[in-house]
Amino acid sequence: MRRAGVGRGSDAVYHVVSRVCGREFLLTDVEKEAFRGLLGRVAGFCGVEVITFALLDNHFHLLIEVPGRVGDLSDGELLQRASLLYGKERRGQPLSMARIQAALSAGGEVREAMRKLLMGRMASLAMFMKILKQRYSIRFNRRYDRVGTLWEGRFRSVLVENSRAALRAVGAYIDLNPVRAGRVSDPKDYRFSGYGEAIGSGEANGYPLWPRIAKYRDEAQERIAAHYREYLYVAGSDPRKGRSFDADEVEAVRRRKGDLTGLQSLICRLRYMTEGAVIGTKGFVAEWMRERQAHSGTRKRSQPTLVHGLDNDLYAGSPRV
């Protein structure tokens, strides 16, 4: 399995959270559907993979992989990506497909300037989030004749090690958000989440989380799905995290899916999932912290914090290093 790099220029996986200003419950099902469509288009343009997500009434969670570099894209590939964002003419939109095509066809410095402009908006977490939030804000404000900011400050992000244990823990945290919020009693019934969308649409084979958390390279998708569902119910059975599954529900899943001997309750402290800086194995977190400490020149040597997880121990690094 690929691992998200710690250094600059490496592919990296992030858990990202952003909230509606004032934490108002503004995102109806219609708005969530619109956001989900925009999310796919912006991700396609930026070259970002959405591993899983959860859209709630006043905030959203994303688990995404951001490439470390754009790569050598042809003009045709650039046009294909650009069509995802600029294919529909919008009032006040500075870029259009006609302008992009004309610049690329012109050649020389004009072509290179357009390529640099477009590629500068790709392979970047900050740019991906800026485009996503700005585009959605414009749509939302126009639809409801509203002015002002829609989102509460800057987004929060946590670097996640691209390992089975870390991705499964953070993926479960995100997929269980609708249960903790009391929206559904079973995570498969919430269609505005990665897990709910995959199961409810009958397209679970395309769920990006499955291959990343497979125990074996050739493990059947049905087994991965079964193990993950067991994991979700054990992870969601901790009452300290708000609404949880009751004992009968957990036992029913155990009977259907098999013995869970050896699994512990997921007791990751929630603040590390949304307010930390990095989550992964001890070595991964320690390396990240050493790099940040060397870059900042600080003499203080902070240590990774143990976060109890399932299977392998997970650690978190503080943003204050």
Protein backbone atom coordinates (compact mmCIF):
# COMPACT_ATOMS: atom_id res chain seq x y z
CA MET A 1 0.00 0.00 0.00
CA ARG A 2 1.19 3.51 -0.75
CA ARG A 3 1.99 5.67 2.23
CA ALA A 4 1.28 9.36 2.42
CA GLY A 5 4.63 11.10 2.47
CA VAL A 6 5.68 13.34 5.31
CA GLY A 7 7.94 15.59 3.29
CA ARG A 8 7.01 18.22 0.76
CA GLY A 9 6.16 17.04 -2.74
CA SER A 10 4.68 13.75 -1.53
CA ASP A 11 1.10 12.58 -1.90
CA ALA A 12 -0.70 13.19 1.39
CA VAL A 13 -3.97 12.11 3.00
CA TYR A 14 -5.94 14.60 5.09
CA HIS A 15 -9.01 14.62 7.28
CA VAL A 16 -10.60 18.01 6.63
CA VAL A 17 -13.44 19.68 8.52
CA SER A 18 -15.25 22.94 7.82
CA ARG A 19 -18.31 24.42 9.54
CA VAL A 20 -21.07 26.81 8.55
CA CYS A 21 -20.67 30.29 10.00
CA GLY A 22 -22.38 30.48 13.39
CA ARG A 23 -22.89 26.72 13.08
CA GLU A 24 -26.35 27.37 11.67
CA PHE A 25 -28.19 24.37 10.23
CA LEU A 26 -28.32 25.66 6.66
CA LEU A 27 -27.44 22.58 4.64
CA THR A 28 -30.70 20.90 3.71
CA ASP A 29 -30.79 17.67 1.72
CA VAL A 30 -31.08 19.72 -1.47
CA GLU A 31 -27.99 21.71 -0.50
CA LYS A 32 -26.06 18.59 0.45
CA GLU A 33 -26.84 17.11 -2.96
CA ALA A 34 -25.53 20.25 -4.65
CA PHE A 35 -22.42 20.23 -2.48
CA ARG A 36 -21.77 16.57 -3.28
CA GLY A 37 -21.89 17.28 -7.00
CA LEU A 38 -19.55 20.25 -6.66
CA LEU A 39 -17.19 18.20 -4.50
CA GLY A 40 -16.76 15.66 -7.28
CA ARG A 41 -16.08 18.32 -9.91
CA VAL A 42 -13.56 20.26 -7.82
CA ALA A 43 -11.79 17.05 -6.81
CA GLY A 44 -11.57 15.99 -10.46
CA PHE A 45 -10.13 19.34 -11.47
CA CYS A 46 -7.56 19.45 -8.67
CA GLY A 47 -6.58 15.79 -8.99
CA VAL A 48 -7.76 15.04 -5.46
CA GLU A 49 -9.26 11.66 -4.50
CA VAL A 50 -12.19 11.72 -2.09
CA ILE A 51 -11.76 8.56 0.01
CA THR A 52 -14.86 9.15 2.12
CA PHE A 53 -16.99 12.06 3.32
CA ALA A 54 -19.91 13.09 5.50
CA LEU A 55 -22.12 16.12 4.83
CA LEU A 56 -24.10 17.25 7.88
CA ASP A 57 -26.53 20.13 8.39
CA ASN A 58 -23.89 22.61 9.56
CA HIS A 59 -20.50 21.10 8.67
CA PHE A 60 -18.72 18.56 6.53
CA HIS A 61 -15.90 16.04 6.88
CA LEU A 62 -13.64 14.86 4.06
CA LEU A 63 -10.95 12.19 3.94
CA ILE A 64 -8.97 13.03 0.82
CA GLU A 65 -5.66 12.27 -0.85
CA VAL A 66 -3.91 15.27 -2.38
CA PRO A 67 -1.17 14.57 -4.94
CA GLY A 68 2.25 16.04 -4.23
CA ARG A 69 2.62 17.26 -7.81
CA VAL A 70 0.44 17.85 -10.85
CA GLY A 71 2.40 15.73 -13.28
CA ASP A 72 3.03 16.31 -16.97
CA LEU A 73 -0.49 17.00 -18.21
CA SER A 74 -1.12 17.42 -21.92
CA ASP A 75 -3.23 20.30 -23.20
CA GLY A 76 -6.04 17.82 -23.81
CA GLU A 77 -5.91 16.62 -20.20
CA LEU A 78 -5.90 20.20 -18.97
CA LEU A 79 -8.97 20.99 -21.04
CA GLN A 80 -10.74 17.90 -19.74
CA ARG A 81 -10.07 18.92 -16.14
CA ALA A 82 -10.94 22.55 -16.80
CA SER A 83 -14.32 21.55 -18.24
CA LEU A 84 -15.32 20.25 -14.79
CA LEU A 85 -15.18 23.80 -13.38
CA TYR A 86 -15.43 26.11 -16.36
CA GLY A 87 -17.66 24.16 -18.72
CA LYS A 88 -20.70 26.21 -17.79
CA GLU A 89 -20.59 29.93 -18.36
CA ARG A 90 -21.34 31.89 -15.19
CA ARG A 91 -21.81 35.60 -14.65
CA GLY A 92 -18.66 37.20 -13.31
CA GLN A 93 -16.55 34.12 -13.98
CA PRO A 94 -13.08 35.34 -15.06
CA LEU A 95 -12.20 32.12 -16.85
CA SER A 96 -14.22 30.34 -19.51
CA MET A 97 -13.60 27.32 -21.69
CA ALA A 98 -13.46 29.58 -24.75
CA ARG A 99 -10.71 31.69 -23.20
CA ILE A 100 -8.80 28.62 -22.00
CA GLN A 101 -8.98 26.92 -25.40
CA ALA A 102 -7.94 30.09 -27.20
CA ALA A 103 -4.91 30.56 -24.93
CA LEU A 104 -3.76 26.96 -25.31
CA SER A 105 -4.18 27.14 -29.08
CA ALA A 106 -2.22 30.40 -29.29
CA GLY A 107 0.99 28.71 -28.22
CA GLY A 108 4.10 30.44 -26.94
CA GLU A 109 3.98 32.56 -23.79
CA VAL A 110 0.19 32.82 -23.86
CA ARG A 111 -0.16 29.04 -23.76
CA GLU A 112 2.43 28.66 -21.00
CA ALA A 113 0.77 31.37 -18.89
CA MET A 114 -2.58 29.60 -19.13
CA ARG A 115 -1.03 26.23 -18.30
CA LYS A 116 0.72 27.75 -15.28
CA LEU A 117 -2.52 29.39 -14.13
CA LEU A 118 -4.55 26.18 -14.32
CA MET A 119 -1.90 23.88 -12.91
CA GLY A 120 -1.30 26.30 -10.04
CA ARG A 121 -4.81 25.48 -8.86
CA MET A 122 -4.14 21.74 -8.71
CA ALA A 123 -2.31 19.40 -6.31
CA SER A 124 -2.86 21.74 -3.36
CA LEU A 125 -5.00 21.21 -0.27
CA ALA A 126 -5.38 24.94 0.29
CA MET A 127 -6.44 25.62 -3.31
CA PHE A 128 -8.81 22.65 -3.37
CA MET A 129 -10.58 23.90 -0.24
CA LYS A 130 -10.60 27.50 -1.45
CA ILE A 131 -12.24 26.59 -4.75
CA LEU A 132 -14.72 24.23 -3.11
CA LYS A 133 -15.85 26.63 -0.40
CA GLN A 134 -15.88 29.72 -2.60
CA ARG A 135 -17.82 28.06 -5.39
CA TYR A 136 -20.39 26.67 -3.01
CA SER A 137 -20.73 29.99 -1.13
CA ILE A 138 -21.43 31.84 -4.37
CA ARG A 139 -24.08 29.29 -5.35
CA PHE A 140 -25.69 29.30 -1.91
CA ASN A 141 -25.79 33.10 -1.56
CA ARG A 142 -27.19 33.53 -5.06
CA ARG A 143 -29.89 30.93 -4.47
CA TYR A 144 -31.06 32.45 -1.19
CA ASP A 145 -30.37 36.12 -2.00
CA ARG A 146 -27.80 36.13 0.78
CA VAL A 147 -24.59 38.09 1.30
CA GLY A 148 -21.54 37.52 3.45
CA THR A 149 -19.41 34.57 4.35
CA LEU A 150 -20.97 31.13 4.62
CA TRP A 151 -18.13 29.28 6.33
CA GLU A 152 -16.76 29.70 9.83
CA GLY A 153 -13.10 30.67 9.47
CA ARG A 154 -10.48 28.49 7.84
CA PHE A 155 -10.92 24.76 7.47
CA ARG A 156 -9.19 22.37 9.86
CA SER A 157 -7.01 19.58 8.54
CA VAL A 158 -5.22 16.60 10.04
CA LEU A 159 -2.49 14.74 8.15
CA VAL A 160 -3.33 11.02 8.15
CA GLU A 161 -0.84 8.24 7.52
CA ASN A 162 -1.78 6.24 4.43
CA SER A 163 -1.88 2.99 6.39
CA ARG A 164 -4.69 0.49 6.91
CA ALA A 165 -5.04 1.21 10.64
CA ALA A 166 -5.05 5.01 10.36
CA LEU A 167 -7.36 5.19 7.33
CA ARG A 168 -9.82 2.75 8.85
CA ALA A 169 -9.96 4.65 12.16
CA VAL A 170 -10.44 8.07 10.55
CA GLY A 171 -12.78 6.68 7.88
CA ALA A 172 -14.97 5.14 10.58
CA TYR A 173 -14.98 8.39 12.53
CA ILE A 174 -16.29 10.19 9.44
CA ASP A 175 -18.78 7.52 8.35
CA LEU A 176 -20.22 7.39 11.88
CA ASN A 177 -20.84 11.14 12.07
CA PRO A 178 -24.50 10.85 10.98
CA VAL A 179 -25.08 8.27 13.76
CA ARG A 180 -23.46 10.46 16.40
CA ALA A 181 -25.56 13.40 15.18
CA GLY A 182 -28.73 11.34 15.57
CA ARG A 183 -29.65 11.52 11.89
CA VAL A 184 -29.77 7.74 11.37
CA SER A 185 -29.37 4.64 13.50
CA ASP A 186 -27.45 2.72 10.84
CA PRO A 187 -24.59 4.44 8.92
CA LYS A 188 -25.63 2.75 5.66
CA ASP A 189 -28.90 4.72 5.70
CA TYR A 190 -27.30 8.16 5.43
CA ARG A 191 -26.87 8.87 1.75
CA PHE A 192 -24.73 12.00 2.20
CA SER A 193 -21.70 10.03 3.37
CA GLY A 194 -19.14 7.90 1.63
CA TYR A 195 -20.30 4.68 3.26
CA GLY A 196 -24.01 5.40 2.86
CA GLU A 197 -23.56 6.40 -0.77
CA ALA A 198 -21.55 3.27 -1.58
CA ILE A 199 -23.95 0.85 0.11
CA GLY A 200 -27.19 2.62 -0.79
CA SER A 201 -26.32 3.07 -4.46
CA GLY A 202 -25.28 -0.55 -4.90
CA GLU A 203 -21.89 0.64 -6.13
CA ALA A 204 -19.84 -0.45 -3.13
CA ASN A 205 -17.21 -1.86 -5.47
CA GLY A 206 -16.25 1.71 -6.24
CA TYR A 207 -15.91 2.85 -2.62
CA PRO A 208 -12.35 4.27 -2.50
CA LEU A 209 -11.85 3.26 1.12
CA TRP A 210 -12.13 -0.50 0.47
CA PRO A 211 -8.77 -1.16 -1.26
CA ARG A 212 -6.97 1.03 1.27
CA ILE A 213 -8.14 -0.95 4.29
CA ALA A 214 -7.99 -4.46 2.84
CA LYS A 215 -6.11 -6.89 5.06
CA TYR A 216 -4.78 -8.77 2.04
CA ARG A 217 -4.04 -7.49 -1.45
CA ASP A 218 -6.42 -9.97 -3.10
CA GLU A 219 -9.11 -9.82 -0.39
CA ALA A 220 -12.63 -9.92 -1.82
CA GLN A 221 -14.59 -6.70 -1.65
CA GLU A 222 -17.44 -8.48 0.16
CA ARG A 223 -15.09 -9.47 2.99
CA ILE A 224 -13.65 -5.98 3.24
CA ALA A 225 -17.18 -4.57 3.47
CA ALA A 226 -18.16 -7.12 6.11
CA HIS A 227 -15.10 -6.47 8.27
CA TYR A 228 -15.56 -2.71 7.98
CA ARG A 229 -19.21 -2.95 9.00
CA GLU A 230 -18.21 -4.94 12.08
CA TYR A 231 -15.62 -2.28 12.80
CA LEU A 232 -18.16 0.53 12.45
CA TYR A 233 -20.50 -1.07 14.95
CA VAL A 234 -17.76 -1.67 17.50
CA ALA A 235 -16.37 1.84 16.97
CA GLY A 236 -19.85 3.31 17.26
CA SER A 237 -20.74 1.46 20.45
CA ASP A 238 -18.81 3.81 22.74
CA PRO A 239 -21.41 5.99 24.57
CA ARG A 240 -18.78 8.64 25.30
CA LYS A 241 -19.10 9.82 21.71
CA GLY A 242 -22.71 10.94 21.77
CA ARG A 243 -25.40 8.68 20.35
CA SER A 244 -24.15 5.13 19.89
CA PHE A 245 -25.42 1.71 18.86
CA ASP A 246 -27.12 -0.21 21.64
CA ALA A 247 -25.93 -3.62 22.78
CA ASP A 248 -28.59 -5.50 20.79
CA GLU A 249 -27.54 -3.79 17.55
CA VAL A 250 -23.89 -4.59 18.13
CA GLU A 251 -24.66 -8.20 19.02
CA ALA A 252 -26.82 -8.58 15.92
CA VAL A 253 -23.97 -7.41 13.70
CA ARG A 254 -21.60 -9.73 15.50
CA ARG A 255 -23.89 -12.69 14.87
CA ARG A 256 -24.24 -11.87 11.19
CA LYS A 257 -20.62 -10.96 10.53
CA GLY A 258 -18.65 -13.23 12.82
CA ASP A 259 -16.43 -13.19 15.86
CA LEU A 260 -14.89 -9.85 16.80
CA THR A 261 -12.44 -11.28 19.34
CA GLY A 262 -9.37 -9.08 19.58
CA LEU A 263 -11.08 -5.84 18.56
CA GLN A 264 -11.23 -3.08 21.15
CA SER A 265 -13.66 -0.22 21.34
CA LEU A 266 -12.44 2.76 19.39
CA ILE A 267 -11.72 5.38 22.06
CA CYS A 268 -9.75 7.89 20.07
CA ARG A 269 -10.12 11.27 21.72
CA LEU A 270 -12.25 13.19 19.28
CA ARG A 271 -10.21 16.36 19.35
CA TYR A 272 -7.29 14.59 17.68
CA MET A 273 -9.52 13.68 14.74
CA THR A 274 -10.38 17.32 14.06
CA GLU A 275 -7.99 19.57 15.97
CA GLY A 276 -4.69 17.73 15.87
CA ALA A 277 -2.13 17.95 13.11
CA VAL A 278 -1.20 14.37 12.23
CA ILE A 279 -2.41 10.83 12.95
CA GLY A 280 -0.59 7.57 12.26
CA THR A 281 1.88 5.10 13.64
CA LYS A 282 4.43 6.33 16.16
CA GLY A 283 7.23 6.39 13.59
CA PHE A 284 5.18 8.35 11.05
CA VAL A 285 4.11 10.95 13.62
CA ALA A 286 7.59 11.24 15.12
CA GLU A 287 9.11 11.87 11.68
CA TRP A 288 6.53 14.56 10.95
CA MET A 289 7.24 16.25 14.29
CA ARG A 290 11.01 16.14 13.77
CA GLU A 291 10.62 17.85 10.39
CA ARG A 292 8.38 20.59 11.82
CA GLN A 293 10.68 21.13 14.80
CA ALA A 294 13.74 21.37 12.56
CA HIS A 295 11.92 23.80 10.24
CA SER A 296 10.80 26.02 13.12
CA GLY A 297 14.13 25.83 14.92
CA THR A 298 12.45 25.07 18.21
CA ARG A 299 14.50 23.36 20.91
CA LYS A 300 11.46 21.80 22.55
CA ARG A 301 11.10 18.15 21.59
CA SER A 302 7.45 17.19 21.86
CA GLN A 303 6.51 13.51 21.75
CA PRO A 304 3.66 11.79 19.86
CA THR A 305 0.53 11.23 21.93
CA LEU A 306 -0.88 7.72 22.07
CA VAL A 307 -4.42 7.41 20.75
CA HIS A 308 -5.94 4.01 21.47
CA GLY A 309 -7.26 2.43 18.28
CA LEU A 310 -8.11 -0.95 16.84
CA ASP A 311 -5.44 -3.47 15.84
CA ASN A 312 -2.36 -1.24 15.83
CA ASP A 313 -1.74 1.67 18.19
CA LEU A 314 -2.26 5.06 16.61
CA TYR A 315 -0.54 8.26 17.66
CA ALA A 316 -1.30 11.94 17.20
CA GLY A 317 1.00 14.92 16.86
CA SER A 318 0.16 18.32 18.28
CA PRO A 319 0.21 21.38 15.99
CA ARG A 320 2.17 23.16 18.74
CA VAL A 321 5.65 21.73 18.26
